[in-house]
Amino acid sequence: MKIKVNGEPAEVAEGLSVAALLAHLGMNTGRVAVERNLDVLPRDRWTNTMVAAEDSYEIVQLVGGG
């Protein structure tokens, strides 16, 4: 199915949770924020929220440093 990730079109399998989407994308989920269709998606909902066709995700990996 077709979705957008960080403004770019992406094709993913149906039946993925947001947590599975992050794993599919190779994201380390330790310091990640996810916005789904313009709403911030709390971490505790990643495993229960299913990716749907035409969803739009903004995924930000937080980086520390000094």
N, C-alpha and C. Protein backbone atom coordinates (compact mmCIF):
# COMPACT_ATOMS: atom_id res chain seq x y z
N MET A 1 0.85 -1.17 0.00
CA MET A 1 0.00 0.00 0.00
C MET A 1 0.89 1.23 0.00
N LYS A 2 0.35 2.34 -0.43
CA LYS A 2 1.13 3.57 -0.56
C LYS A 2 0.89 4.48 0.65
N ILE A 3 2.02 4.98 1.20
CA ILE A 3 1.99 5.96 2.28
C ILE A 3 3.06 7.00 1.97
N LYS A 4 3.17 8.00 2.84
CA LYS A 4 4.27 8.96 2.75
C LYS A 4 5.05 8.91 4.06
N VAL A 5 6.38 8.94 3.93
CA VAL A 5 7.26 8.98 5.09
C VAL A 5 8.20 10.16 4.89
N ASN A 6 8.12 11.11 5.78
CA ASN A 6 8.93 12.33 5.71
C ASN A 6 8.82 13.00 4.33
N GLY A 7 7.58 13.06 3.84
CA GLY A 7 7.31 13.75 2.59
C GLY A 7 7.58 12.96 1.33
N GLU A 8 8.11 11.75 1.46
CA GLU A 8 8.45 10.93 0.30
C GLU A 8 7.48 9.76 0.19
N PRO A 9 7.05 9.43 -1.03
CA PRO A 9 6.18 8.26 -1.21
C PRO A 9 6.91 6.98 -0.81
N ALA A 10 6.16 6.07 -0.21
CA ALA A 10 6.73 4.77 0.18
C ALA A 10 5.68 3.71 -0.06
N GLU A 11 6.14 2.52 -0.36
CA GLU A 11 5.27 1.36 -0.56
C GLU A 11 5.59 0.37 0.55
N VAL A 12 4.57 0.01 1.33
CA VAL A 12 4.76 -0.94 2.43
C VAL A 12 3.68 -2.01 2.38
N ALA A 13 3.94 -3.12 3.03
CA ALA A 13 2.97 -4.21 3.11
C ALA A 13 1.80 -3.81 3.99
N GLU A 14 0.65 -4.37 3.71
CA GLU A 14 -0.51 -4.14 4.56
C GLU A 14 -0.34 -4.90 5.87
N GLY A 15 -1.03 -4.46 6.91
CA GLY A 15 -1.01 -5.16 8.18
C GLY A 15 0.12 -4.76 9.11
N LEU A 16 0.83 -3.68 8.80
CA LEU A 16 1.92 -3.22 9.67
C LEU A 16 1.38 -2.30 10.76
N SER A 17 1.89 -2.47 11.96
CA SER A 17 1.67 -1.48 13.00
C SER A 17 2.71 -0.38 12.81
N VAL A 18 2.54 0.72 13.49
CA VAL A 18 3.54 1.79 13.40
C VAL A 18 4.88 1.28 13.93
N ALA A 19 4.87 0.48 14.99
CA ALA A 19 6.12 -0.09 15.50
C ALA A 19 6.79 -0.95 14.45
N ALA A 20 6.01 -1.76 13.72
CA ALA A 20 6.57 -2.60 12.66
C ALA A 20 7.07 -1.75 11.49
N LEU A 21 6.39 -0.64 11.21
CA LEU A 21 6.85 0.27 10.17
C LEU A 21 8.23 0.83 10.52
N LEU A 22 8.40 1.23 11.76
CA LEU A 22 9.70 1.76 12.19
C LEU A 22 10.79 0.70 12.05
N ALA A 23 10.48 -0.54 12.42
CA ALA A 23 11.44 -1.64 12.27
C ALA A 23 11.75 -1.86 10.79
N HIS A 24 10.73 -1.83 9.95
CA HIS A 24 10.90 -2.00 8.50
C HIS A 24 11.82 -0.92 7.93
N LEU A 25 11.70 0.29 8.47
CA LEU A 25 12.53 1.40 8.01
C LEU A 25 13.93 1.40 8.64
N GLY A 26 14.18 0.47 9.57
CA GLY A 26 15.49 0.37 10.22
C GLY A 26 15.73 1.45 11.24
N MET A 27 14.67 1.99 11.81
CA MET A 27 14.80 3.08 12.78
C MET A 27 15.06 2.52 14.17
N ASN A 28 16.01 3.11 14.88
CA ASN A 28 16.22 2.82 16.29
C ASN A 28 15.15 3.61 17.04
N THR A 29 14.25 2.92 17.69
CA THR A 29 13.09 3.58 18.30
C THR A 29 13.38 4.22 19.65
N GLY A 30 14.60 4.16 20.11
CA GLY A 30 14.94 4.73 21.41
C GLY A 30 14.70 6.22 21.51
N ARG A 31 15.01 6.96 20.46
CA ARG A 31 14.88 8.41 20.50
C ARG A 31 14.19 8.91 19.23
N VAL A 32 12.96 8.46 19.06
CA VAL A 32 12.20 8.78 17.84
C VAL A 32 10.87 9.40 18.23
N ALA A 33 10.44 10.37 17.45
CA ALA A 33 9.09 10.94 17.58
C ALA A 33 8.37 10.66 16.27
N VAL A 34 7.08 10.31 16.37
CA VAL A 34 6.29 9.98 15.20
C VAL A 34 5.06 10.87 15.14
N GLU A 35 4.88 11.48 13.98
CA GLU A 35 3.67 12.23 13.70
C GLU A 35 2.93 11.48 12.60
N ARG A 36 1.65 11.19 12.85
CA ARG A 36 0.82 10.45 11.88
C ARG A 36 -0.33 11.35 11.47
N ASN A 37 -0.40 11.67 10.20
CA ASN A 37 -1.48 12.51 9.67
C ASN A 37 -1.64 13.79 10.48
N LEU A 38 -0.52 14.45 10.75
CA LEU A 38 -0.43 15.74 11.43
C LEU A 38 -0.70 15.70 12.93
N ASP A 39 -0.82 14.50 13.52
CA ASP A 39 -0.99 14.36 14.96
C ASP A 39 0.17 13.56 15.53
N VAL A 40 0.73 14.03 16.65
CA VAL A 40 1.80 13.28 17.31
C VAL A 40 1.20 11.99 17.84
N LEU A 41 1.88 10.88 17.56
CA LEU A 41 1.41 9.57 18.00
C LEU A 41 2.23 9.14 19.22
N PRO A 42 1.59 9.05 20.38
CA PRO A 42 2.32 8.64 21.58
C PRO A 42 2.94 7.25 21.43
N ARG A 43 4.10 7.09 22.00
CA ARG A 43 4.85 5.83 21.92
C ARG A 43 4.01 4.63 22.36
N ASP A 44 3.19 4.78 23.38
CA ASP A 44 2.41 3.65 23.89
C ASP A 44 1.31 3.20 22.93
N ARG A 45 1.11 3.92 21.82
CA ARG A 45 0.12 3.53 20.82
C ARG A 45 0.75 2.97 19.54
N TRP A 46 2.08 2.92 19.47
CA TRP A 46 2.76 2.46 18.25
C TRP A 46 2.41 1.02 17.90
N THR A 47 2.31 0.14 18.88
CA THR A 47 2.05 -1.27 18.56
C THR A 47 0.59 -1.54 18.22
N ASN A 48 -0.32 -0.69 18.66
CA ASN A 48 -1.75 -0.90 18.41
C ASN A 48 -2.29 -0.08 17.25
N THR A 49 -1.50 0.85 16.73
CA THR A 49 -1.95 1.69 15.61
C THR A 49 -1.48 1.07 14.31
N MET A 50 -2.43 0.76 13.45
CA MET A 50 -2.12 0.13 12.18
C MET A 50 -1.90 1.19 11.10
N VAL A 51 -0.92 0.94 10.25
CA VAL A 51 -0.64 1.81 9.11
C VAL A 51 -1.76 1.61 8.09
N ALA A 52 -2.29 2.71 7.59
CA ALA A 52 -3.37 2.65 6.60
C ALA A 52 -2.91 3.30 5.30
N ALA A 53 -3.51 2.88 4.20
CA ALA A 53 -3.20 3.46 2.90
C ALA A 53 -3.41 4.97 2.95
N GLU A 54 -2.48 5.68 2.33
CA GLU A 54 -2.51 7.15 2.23
C GLU A 54 -2.13 7.86 3.53
N ASP A 55 -1.74 7.12 4.58
CA ASP A 55 -1.23 7.77 5.79
C ASP A 55 0.00 8.58 5.45
N SER A 56 0.24 9.61 6.24
CA SER A 56 1.44 10.44 6.09
C SER A 56 2.15 10.47 7.43
N TYR A 57 3.43 10.11 7.42
CA TYR A 57 4.22 10.05 8.65
C TYR A 57 5.41 11.01 8.56
N GLU A 58 5.63 11.70 9.63
CA GLU A 58 6.86 12.45 9.82
C GLU A 58 7.56 11.77 10.99
N ILE A 59 8.75 11.27 10.74
CA ILE A 59 9.50 10.52 11.75
C ILE A 59 10.80 11.26 11.99
N VAL A 60 11.00 11.63 13.24
CA VAL A 60 12.18 12.42 13.61
C VAL A 60 13.02 11.63 14.59
N GLN A 61 14.28 11.47 14.28
CA GLN A 61 15.21 10.81 15.19
C GLN A 61 15.96 11.89 15.95
N LEU A 62 15.82 11.89 17.26
CA LEU A 62 16.47 12.89 18.09
C LEU A 62 17.94 12.52 18.29
N VAL A 63 18.79 13.52 18.16
CA VAL A 63 20.23 13.30 18.27
C VAL A 63 20.76 14.20 19.37
N GLY A 64 21.50 13.62 20.29
CA GLY A 64 22.12 14.39 21.34
C GLY A 64 23.57 14.69 20.98
N GLY A 65 24.11 15.63 21.65
CA GLY A 65 25.50 15.97 21.39
C GLY A 65 25.91 17.20 22.19
N GLY A 66 27.12 17.54 22.05
CA GLY A 66 27.52 18.68 22.83
C GLY A 66 28.75 19.35 22.29
